Amino acid sequence: MSGPASFVRLAATALAAFASTACVSVVDNKNEPATETSGNEIIPEYGTTPGRKCSTTGLDRFRGQRATQAIGQAIVERSKAASLRWIRPSDAITMDFRTDRINVSLDAASKIASMRCG
């Protein structure tokens, strides 16, 4: 039998198979930190690096300075971030939030306009 009825039956079978596996979680990324829950289940914590949590305290002195590798390193050290993301005026960026990342927005002259964690 072919036609719409067999397509619907095939789609229903595929959906049932997918639904039965939807609750299975696999942790396969060894680069992501993880925490252990009360049931000994390992759940990765996306956006974190152990011992690193970004803070913007004390970063005002970098505003207006030209973006350089040395300034970037100083910002990372001062903010306690694990990574730095330079953001130029025309850049498209992802909206994922990372507690261990400092975002440094630049103006058209590559000078630091603002900084925020995430």
Protein backbone atom coordinates (compact mmCIF):
# COMPACT_ATOMS: atom_id res chain seq x y z
CA MET A 1 0.00 0.00 0.00
CA SER A 2 1.40 3.36 -0.97
CA GLY A 3 0.17 6.91 -0.94
CA PRO A 4 -0.96 9.22 1.85
CA ALA A 5 -2.02 6.45 4.23
CA SER A 6 1.38 4.74 4.18
CA PHE A 7 3.16 8.09 4.58
CA VAL A 8 1.06 8.89 7.64
CA ARG A 9 1.77 5.43 9.10
CA LEU A 10 5.51 5.83 8.44
CA ALA A 11 5.52 9.33 10.01
CA ALA A 12 3.63 8.04 13.06
CA THR A 13 6.12 5.20 13.50
CA ALA A 14 9.08 7.58 13.21
CA LEU A 15 7.48 9.99 15.69
CA ALA A 16 6.86 7.17 18.18
CA ALA A 17 10.48 6.02 17.87
CA PHE A 18 11.73 9.58 18.37
CA ALA A 19 9.44 10.16 21.37
CA SER A 20 10.71 7.01 23.06
CA THR A 21 14.33 8.26 22.85
CA ALA A 22 13.63 11.92 23.62
CA CYS A 23 14.13 11.43 27.35
CA VAL A 24 17.54 9.81 27.03
CA SER A 25 20.43 12.16 27.71
CA VAL A 26 24.01 11.40 26.80
CA VAL A 27 26.93 13.37 28.19
CA ASP A 28 29.73 12.95 25.69
CA ASN A 29 31.58 16.28 25.78
CA LYS A 30 34.65 15.86 27.96
CA ASN A 31 35.49 19.57 27.69
CA GLU A 32 32.41 20.77 29.56
CA PRO A 33 32.47 20.94 33.37
CA ALA A 34 29.85 18.78 35.00
CA THR A 35 28.07 18.46 38.31
CA GLU A 36 26.74 15.41 40.05
CA THR A 37 23.08 15.38 41.06
CA SER A 38 21.57 13.49 43.97
CA GLY A 39 20.90 10.54 41.65
CA ASN A 40 24.58 10.38 40.60
CA GLU A 41 23.60 11.66 37.16
CA ILE A 42 26.23 13.87 35.49
CA ILE A 43 24.81 17.07 34.00
CA PRO A 44 27.14 19.42 32.08
CA GLU A 45 27.13 23.09 33.08
CA TYR A 46 27.35 24.94 29.80
CA GLY A 47 29.13 28.26 29.96
CA THR A 48 31.23 27.66 33.04
CA THR A 49 34.86 27.01 33.75
CA PRO A 50 35.72 25.82 37.26
CA GLY A 51 37.33 28.64 39.24
CA ARG A 52 36.45 31.28 36.62
CA LYS A 53 33.49 33.63 36.95
CA CYS A 54 33.53 36.94 35.12
CA SER A 55 33.26 40.24 37.01
CA THR A 56 33.29 43.76 35.57
CA THR A 57 34.53 45.30 38.83
CA GLY A 58 37.58 47.47 38.20
CA LEU A 59 37.37 47.40 34.40
CA ASP A 60 36.43 51.08 33.89
CA ARG A 61 40.09 52.04 33.44
CA PHE A 62 40.17 50.16 30.12
CA ARG A 63 37.40 52.22 28.48
CA GLY A 64 38.63 54.36 25.64
CA GLN A 65 41.84 52.36 25.20
CA ARG A 66 42.71 50.79 21.85
CA ALA A 67 42.08 47.05 21.67
CA THR A 68 45.39 45.17 21.76
CA GLN A 69 46.44 41.70 22.80
CA ALA A 70 48.08 43.10 25.95
CA ILE A 71 44.94 45.05 26.92
CA GLY A 72 42.83 41.96 26.26
CA GLN A 73 45.05 39.86 28.52
CA ALA A 74 44.85 42.50 31.27
CA ILE A 75 41.04 42.55 30.98
CA VAL A 76 40.87 38.75 31.22
CA GLU A 77 43.12 38.71 34.29
CA ARG A 78 41.27 41.55 36.02
CA SER A 79 37.78 40.18 35.22
CA LYS A 80 38.74 36.59 36.20
CA ALA A 81 37.10 35.41 32.95
CA ALA A 82 38.19 32.29 31.11
CA SER A 83 37.70 33.88 27.69
CA LEU A 84 37.34 37.23 25.99
CA ARG A 85 35.15 38.13 23.03
CA TRP A 86 35.93 41.31 21.08
CA ILE A 87 32.75 42.74 19.55
CA ARG A 88 33.06 45.24 16.70
CA PRO A 89 30.13 47.47 15.65
CA SER A 90 29.15 45.31 12.64
CA ASP A 91 29.74 41.91 14.28
CA ALA A 92 26.94 39.39 14.63
CA ILE A 93 27.24 37.54 17.92
CA THR A 94 25.57 34.56 19.52
CA MET A 95 23.24 35.22 22.42
CA ASP A 96 24.47 32.35 24.58
CA PHE A 97 25.29 33.41 28.13
CA ARG A 98 28.59 32.27 29.60
CA THR A 99 29.43 33.17 33.19
CA ASP A 100 33.12 32.71 32.36
CA ARG A 101 33.34 35.11 29.38
CA ILE A 102 33.99 38.86 29.15
CA ASN A 103 32.49 40.66 26.14
CA VAL A 104 34.36 43.80 25.09
CA SER A 105 32.48 46.08 22.70
CA LEU A 106 34.62 48.25 20.45
CA ASP A 107 33.79 51.46 18.60
CA ALA A 108 34.60 52.11 14.93
CA ALA A 109 38.15 53.18 15.88
CA SER A 110 38.79 49.86 17.73
CA LYS A 111 38.64 51.55 21.12
CA ILE A 112 36.89 49.92 24.05
CA ALA A 113 33.36 51.27 24.43
CA SER A 114 31.92 48.89 27.04
CA MET A 115 32.42 45.55 28.78
CA ARG A 116 29.97 43.01 30.13
CA CYS A 117 30.03 39.45 31.31
CA GLY A 118 28.19 36.78 29.42
